[in-house]
Amino acid sequence: MRTWGRITNPDGSKTWVEVSTDANGDNSQVWLTTLAQTLKLNLNESPFYASYGIPAAQSVIQQVQPDYYVAQTQQQYAQHFAALVIAKQPQQPNQPRPTYQINATTFQGVQLTGPIPT
């Protein structure tokens, strides 16, 4: 199994990198990358799954956080982890976009955490 994730290079440019199943057959990194990409999608933007993504742009315009859609995304991906929690971080004055903290525990017991701006 594989997916593609975008990283920001030290010079500010962006590059797509492949994330694949590891040698032990663990897909945790693949699912975590896919989850991060889903949180960055606009609603109905995915060419494969219309229900994936969150209405981030509309939420910023309306000043309403997309918590319902984030909870729906958490439910969609929870089956791929032993535990998965997506929590909203407090809004910073210089940060116009909502940011969510992902806390995931794989079936092998590894904890994965990180902030994901929408």
N, C-alpha and C. Protein backbone atom coordinates (compact mmCIF):
# COMPACT_ATOMS: atom_id res chain seq x y z
N MET A 1 0.85 -1.17 0.00
CA MET A 1 0.00 0.00 0.00
C MET A 1 0.90 1.23 0.00
N ARG A 2 0.47 2.27 -0.70
CA ARG A 2 1.25 3.49 -0.70
C ARG A 2 0.35 4.70 -0.89
N THR A 3 0.89 5.84 -0.50
CA THR A 3 0.23 7.13 -0.70
C THR A 3 1.33 8.16 -0.91
N TRP A 4 0.94 9.36 -1.20
CA TRP A 4 1.90 10.43 -1.42
C TRP A 4 1.60 11.55 -0.44
N GLY A 5 2.66 12.10 0.14
CA GLY A 5 2.53 13.21 1.07
C GLY A 5 3.43 14.35 0.64
N ARG A 6 2.99 15.56 0.88
CA ARG A 6 3.78 16.73 0.49
C ARG A 6 4.57 17.25 1.68
N ILE A 7 5.85 17.49 1.47
CA ILE A 7 6.70 18.04 2.51
C ILE A 7 7.23 19.40 2.07
N THR A 8 7.59 20.22 3.04
CA THR A 8 8.20 21.51 2.75
C THR A 8 9.70 21.38 2.96
N ASN A 9 10.45 21.68 1.93
CA ASN A 9 11.91 21.61 1.99
C ASN A 9 12.48 22.81 2.74
N PRO A 10 13.75 22.73 3.19
CA PRO A 10 14.35 23.86 3.91
C PRO A 10 14.33 25.18 3.14
N ASP A 11 14.37 25.11 1.80
CA ASP A 11 14.36 26.34 1.00
C ASP A 11 12.94 26.88 0.76
N GLY A 12 11.92 26.19 1.32
CA GLY A 12 10.54 26.64 1.19
C GLY A 12 9.78 25.99 0.05
N SER A 13 10.48 25.28 -0.84
CA SER A 13 9.79 24.59 -1.93
C SER A 13 9.07 23.35 -1.38
N LYS A 14 8.10 22.89 -2.12
CA LYS A 14 7.33 21.72 -1.68
C LYS A 14 7.60 20.55 -2.61
N THR A 15 7.68 19.35 -2.03
CA THR A 15 7.97 18.14 -2.79
C THR A 15 7.01 17.04 -2.35
N TRP A 16 6.57 16.24 -3.32
CA TRP A 16 5.74 15.08 -3.01
C TRP A 16 6.66 13.88 -2.78
N VAL A 17 6.43 13.13 -1.69
CA VAL A 17 7.22 11.94 -1.39
C VAL A 17 6.29 10.74 -1.22
N GLU A 18 6.77 9.59 -1.60
CA GLU A 18 5.99 8.36 -1.48
C GLU A 18 6.12 7.81 -0.06
N VAL A 19 5.00 7.39 0.50
CA VAL A 19 4.97 6.73 1.81
C VAL A 19 4.36 5.35 1.57
N SER A 20 5.13 4.29 1.88
CA SER A 20 4.69 2.92 1.59
C SER A 20 4.65 2.08 2.85
N THR A 21 4.05 0.91 2.72
CA THR A 21 4.04 -0.07 3.80
C THR A 21 5.48 -0.41 4.16
N ASP A 22 5.78 -0.50 5.47
CA ASP A 22 7.15 -0.82 5.86
C ASP A 22 7.45 -2.31 5.69
N ALA A 23 8.67 -2.69 5.97
CA ALA A 23 9.13 -4.07 5.74
C ALA A 23 8.35 -5.08 6.58
N ASN A 24 7.80 -4.66 7.71
CA ASN A 24 7.04 -5.56 8.58
C ASN A 24 5.56 -5.64 8.21
N GLY A 25 5.16 -4.93 7.17
CA GLY A 25 3.76 -4.96 6.76
C GLY A 25 2.89 -3.95 7.48
N ASP A 26 3.48 -3.00 8.19
CA ASP A 26 2.73 -2.00 8.95
C ASP A 26 2.35 -0.84 8.03
N ASN A 27 1.07 -0.50 7.99
CA ASN A 27 0.57 0.60 7.16
C ASN A 27 0.29 1.87 7.95
N SER A 28 0.76 1.96 9.17
CA SER A 28 0.43 3.11 10.02
C SER A 28 0.86 4.44 9.42
N GLN A 29 2.07 4.49 8.87
CA GLN A 29 2.56 5.74 8.28
C GLN A 29 1.74 6.11 7.04
N VAL A 30 1.31 5.10 6.29
CA VAL A 30 0.48 5.35 5.11
C VAL A 30 -0.85 5.97 5.54
N TRP A 31 -1.48 5.39 6.55
CA TRP A 31 -2.77 5.90 7.00
C TRP A 31 -2.65 7.27 7.66
N LEU A 32 -1.57 7.51 8.39
CA LEU A 32 -1.38 8.82 9.01
C LEU A 32 -1.16 9.89 7.94
N THR A 33 -0.40 9.58 6.91
CA THR A 33 -0.20 10.53 5.81
C THR A 33 -1.51 10.80 5.08
N THR A 34 -2.29 9.75 4.84
CA THR A 34 -3.58 9.92 4.18
C THR A 34 -4.53 10.75 5.03
N LEU A 35 -4.51 10.54 6.35
CA LEU A 35 -5.33 11.34 7.25
C LEU A 35 -4.93 12.81 7.18
N ALA A 36 -3.64 13.10 7.20
CA ALA A 36 -3.18 14.49 7.11
C ALA A 36 -3.62 15.12 5.79
N GLN A 37 -3.52 14.37 4.71
CA GLN A 37 -3.94 14.89 3.41
C GLN A 37 -5.45 15.13 3.38
N THR A 38 -6.21 14.27 4.03
CA THR A 38 -7.67 14.43 4.07
C THR A 38 -8.04 15.70 4.83
N LEU A 39 -7.33 15.99 5.92
CA LEU A 39 -7.62 17.20 6.68
C LEU A 39 -7.28 18.46 5.90
N LYS A 40 -6.43 18.34 4.90
CA LYS A 40 -6.07 19.50 4.08
C LYS A 40 -6.98 19.64 2.85
N LEU A 41 -7.79 18.63 2.58
CA LEU A 41 -8.71 18.68 1.44
C LEU A 41 -9.91 19.56 1.75
N ASN A 42 -10.43 20.22 0.74
CA ASN A 42 -11.72 20.86 0.88
C ASN A 42 -12.78 19.79 0.69
N LEU A 43 -13.95 20.02 1.22
CA LEU A 43 -15.05 19.07 1.09
C LEU A 43 -15.37 18.87 -0.39
N ASN A 44 -15.56 17.63 -0.80
CA ASN A 44 -15.84 17.23 -2.18
C ASN A 44 -14.68 17.47 -3.15
N GLU A 45 -13.49 17.72 -2.65
CA GLU A 45 -12.34 17.95 -3.52
C GLU A 45 -11.69 16.65 -3.98
N SER A 46 -11.83 15.58 -3.21
CA SER A 46 -11.23 14.31 -3.57
C SER A 46 -11.90 13.75 -4.82
N PRO A 47 -11.11 13.31 -5.80
CA PRO A 47 -11.72 12.72 -7.00
C PRO A 47 -12.25 11.31 -6.75
N PHE A 48 -11.91 10.71 -5.61
CA PHE A 48 -12.30 9.34 -5.32
C PHE A 48 -13.40 9.24 -4.27
N TYR A 49 -13.33 10.09 -3.24
CA TYR A 49 -14.26 10.00 -2.12
C TYR A 49 -14.88 11.38 -1.88
N ALA A 50 -16.12 11.55 -2.23
CA ALA A 50 -16.78 12.85 -2.11
C ALA A 50 -16.97 13.28 -0.66
N SER A 51 -17.04 12.33 0.26
CA SER A 51 -17.30 12.68 1.66
C SER A 51 -16.03 13.01 2.43
N TYR A 52 -14.86 12.95 1.80
CA TYR A 52 -13.60 13.23 2.50
C TYR A 52 -13.26 14.70 2.38
N GLY A 53 -12.61 15.24 3.39
CA GLY A 53 -12.21 16.63 3.41
C GLY A 53 -13.08 17.42 4.37
N ILE A 54 -12.69 18.67 4.58
CA ILE A 54 -13.44 19.56 5.46
C ILE A 54 -13.62 20.90 4.75
N PRO A 55 -14.70 21.62 5.05
CA PRO A 55 -14.93 22.92 4.41
C PRO A 55 -14.12 24.02 5.08
N ALA A 56 -12.79 23.96 4.96
CA ALA A 56 -11.91 24.90 5.65
C ALA A 56 -12.10 26.33 5.15
N ALA A 57 -12.12 26.52 3.84
CA ALA A 57 -12.24 27.88 3.30
C ALA A 57 -13.58 28.50 3.71
N GLN A 58 -14.66 27.73 3.61
CA GLN A 58 -15.96 28.23 4.01
C GLN A 58 -16.01 28.53 5.51
N SER A 59 -15.31 27.71 6.29
CA SER A 59 -15.29 27.89 7.74
C SER A 59 -14.58 29.19 8.12
N VAL A 60 -13.50 29.51 7.42
CA VAL A 60 -12.78 30.75 7.70
C VAL A 60 -13.65 31.94 7.34
N ILE A 61 -14.34 31.87 6.20
CA ILE A 61 -15.20 32.97 5.78
C ILE A 61 -16.34 33.18 6.77
N GLN A 62 -16.95 32.08 7.23
CA GLN A 62 -18.09 32.16 8.13
C GLN A 62 -17.69 32.26 9.59
N GLN A 63 -16.39 32.12 9.89
CA GLN A 63 -15.87 32.18 11.26
C GLN A 63 -16.47 31.07 12.14
N VAL A 64 -16.70 29.89 11.55
CA VAL A 64 -17.20 28.72 12.27
C VAL A 64 -16.20 27.59 12.05
N GLN A 65 -15.71 27.01 13.14
CA GLN A 65 -14.73 25.94 13.02
C GLN A 65 -15.38 24.68 12.44
N PRO A 66 -14.66 23.92 11.61
CA PRO A 66 -15.22 22.73 10.96
C PRO A 66 -15.16 21.48 11.85
N ASP A 67 -15.55 21.61 13.11
CA ASP A 67 -15.42 20.52 14.07
C ASP A 67 -16.23 19.29 13.69
N TYR A 68 -17.42 19.47 13.15
CA TYR A 68 -18.24 18.32 12.75
C TYR A 68 -17.51 17.48 11.71
N TYR A 69 -16.93 18.12 10.72
CA TYR A 69 -16.26 17.40 9.65
C TYR A 69 -14.95 16.75 10.12
N VAL A 70 -14.30 17.38 11.08
CA VAL A 70 -13.09 16.78 11.65
C VAL A 70 -13.47 15.53 12.45
N ALA A 71 -14.56 15.59 13.19
CA ALA A 71 -15.03 14.41 13.93
C ALA A 71 -15.42 13.29 12.97
N GLN A 72 -16.04 13.64 11.87
CA GLN A 72 -16.40 12.65 10.86
C GLN A 72 -15.14 12.01 10.26
N THR A 73 -14.11 12.81 10.00
CA THR A 73 -12.85 12.29 9.49
C THR A 73 -12.20 11.37 10.51
N GLN A 74 -12.27 11.74 11.79
CA GLN A 74 -11.71 10.89 12.85
C GLN A 74 -12.40 9.53 12.84
N GLN A 75 -13.70 9.49 12.69
CA GLN A 75 -14.43 8.23 12.65
C GLN A 75 -14.05 7.41 11.42
N GLN A 76 -13.82 8.07 10.29
CA GLN A 76 -13.47 7.36 9.07
C GLN A 76 -12.12 6.65 9.19
N TYR A 77 -11.18 7.25 9.92
CA TYR A 77 -9.83 6.70 10.02
C TYR A 77 -9.56 5.93 11.31
N ALA A 78 -10.46 5.95 12.26
CA ALA A 78 -10.23 5.31 13.56
C ALA A 78 -9.98 3.81 13.43
N GLN A 79 -10.57 3.16 12.44
CA GLN A 79 -10.41 1.72 12.28
C GLN A 79 -8.98 1.31 11.95
N HIS A 80 -8.16 2.25 11.50
CA HIS A 80 -6.79 1.94 11.10
C HIS A 80 -5.77 2.12 12.22
N PHE A 81 -6.24 2.53 13.40
CA PHE A 81 -5.36 2.77 14.55
C PHE A 81 -5.96 2.15 15.80
N ALA A 82 -5.10 1.84 16.76
CA ALA A 82 -5.59 1.34 18.05
C ALA A 82 -6.33 2.46 18.78
N ALA A 83 -5.84 3.68 18.65
CA ALA A 83 -6.51 4.85 19.22
C ALA A 83 -6.21 6.04 18.32
N LEU A 84 -7.21 6.89 18.12
CA LEU A 84 -7.04 8.08 17.29
C LEU A 84 -7.86 9.21 17.88
N VAL A 85 -7.18 10.34 18.17
CA VAL A 85 -7.85 11.53 18.68
C VAL A 85 -7.37 12.71 17.86
N ILE A 86 -8.31 13.48 17.34
CA ILE A 86 -7.99 14.71 16.63
C ILE A 86 -8.62 15.84 17.43
N ALA A 87 -7.77 16.72 17.97
CA ALA A 87 -8.25 17.80 18.84
C ALA A 87 -7.85 19.15 18.26
N LYS A 88 -8.74 20.11 18.39
CA LYS A 88 -8.46 21.46 17.91
C LYS A 88 -7.48 22.14 18.86
N GLN A 89 -6.46 22.78 18.29
CA GLN A 89 -5.53 23.56 19.09
C GLN A 89 -6.10 24.96 19.28
N PRO A 90 -5.74 25.62 20.38
CA PRO A 90 -6.22 26.99 20.57
C PRO A 90 -5.77 27.89 19.40
N GLN A 91 -6.67 28.75 18.99
CA GLN A 91 -6.39 29.65 17.86
C GLN A 91 -5.39 30.71 18.29
N GLN A 92 -4.33 30.87 17.50
CA GLN A 92 -3.32 31.89 17.76
C GLN A 92 -3.68 33.15 16.97
N PRO A 93 -3.35 34.33 17.48
CA PRO A 93 -3.71 35.57 16.78
C PRO A 93 -3.09 35.68 15.38
N ASN A 94 -1.89 35.18 15.21
CA ASN A 94 -1.21 35.28 13.91
C ASN A 94 -1.46 34.06 13.02
N GLN A 95 -2.41 33.22 13.41
CA GLN A 95 -2.68 31.99 12.66
C GLN A 95 -4.15 32.00 12.23
N PRO A 96 -4.41 32.36 10.95
CA PRO A 96 -5.80 32.49 10.52
C PRO A 96 -6.52 31.16 10.31
N ARG A 97 -5.77 30.06 10.13
CA ARG A 97 -6.39 28.77 9.84
C ARG A 97 -6.49 27.93 11.11
N PRO A 98 -7.55 27.14 11.24
CA PRO A 98 -7.63 26.22 12.37
C PRO A 98 -6.53 25.16 12.26
N THR A 99 -5.96 24.77 13.38
CA THR A 99 -4.94 23.73 13.41
C THR A 99 -5.41 22.63 14.35
N TYR A 100 -5.20 21.39 13.94
CA TYR A 100 -5.65 20.25 14.72
C TYR A 100 -4.46 19.39 15.11
N GLN A 101 -4.47 18.89 16.33
CA GLN A 101 -3.43 18.01 16.85
C GLN A 101 -3.90 16.57 16.68
N ILE A 102 -3.10 15.77 16.00
CA ILE A 102 -3.42 14.35 15.82
C ILE A 102 -2.62 13.55 16.84
N ASN A 103 -3.29 12.72 17.60
CA ASN A 103 -2.67 11.77 18.51
C ASN A 103 -3.15 10.39 18.11
N ALA A 104 -2.24 9.60 17.56
CA ALA A 104 -2.60 8.26 17.09
C ALA A 104 -1.70 7.24 17.75
N THR A 105 -2.28 6.10 18.09
CA THR A 105 -1.53 4.95 18.60
C THR A 105 -1.75 3.82 17.61
N THR A 106 -0.64 3.29 17.09
CA THR A 106 -0.74 2.21 16.11
C THR A 106 -1.05 0.90 16.82
N PHE A 107 -1.37 -0.12 16.03
CA PHE A 107 -1.64 -1.43 16.61
C PHE A 107 -0.37 -2.06 17.18
N GLN A 108 0.79 -1.52 16.83
CA GLN A 108 2.06 -2.00 17.39
C GLN A 108 2.43 -1.24 18.66
N GLY A 109 1.62 -0.26 19.06
CA GLY A 109 1.85 0.49 20.29
C GLY A 109 2.67 1.75 20.12
N VAL A 110 2.97 2.13 18.90
CA VAL A 110 3.74 3.35 18.65
C VAL A 110 2.81 4.55 18.66
N GLN A 111 3.22 5.60 19.38
CA GLN A 111 2.41 6.81 19.43
C GLN A 111 2.92 7.81 18.40
N LEU A 112 2.01 8.34 17.60
CA LEU A 112 2.33 9.31 16.56
C LEU A 112 1.54 10.58 16.86
N THR A 113 2.21 11.72 16.91
CA THR A 113 1.53 12.98 17.18
C THR A 113 2.06 14.06 16.26
N GLY A 114 1.24 15.06 16.04
CA GLY A 114 1.68 16.20 15.25
C GLY A 114 0.55 17.13 14.93
N PRO A 115 0.86 18.42 14.76
CA PRO A 115 -0.16 19.38 14.39
C PRO A 115 -0.39 19.38 12.88
N ILE A 116 -1.63 19.55 12.47
CA ILE A 116 -1.99 19.60 11.05
C ILE A 116 -2.80 20.87 10.83
N PRO A 117 -2.24 21.87 10.13
CA PRO A 117 -3.07 23.04 9.79
C PRO A 117 -4.02 22.69 8.66
N THR A 118 -5.25 23.15 8.72
CA THR A 118 -6.21 22.84 7.66
C THR A 118 -6.09 23.81 6.52
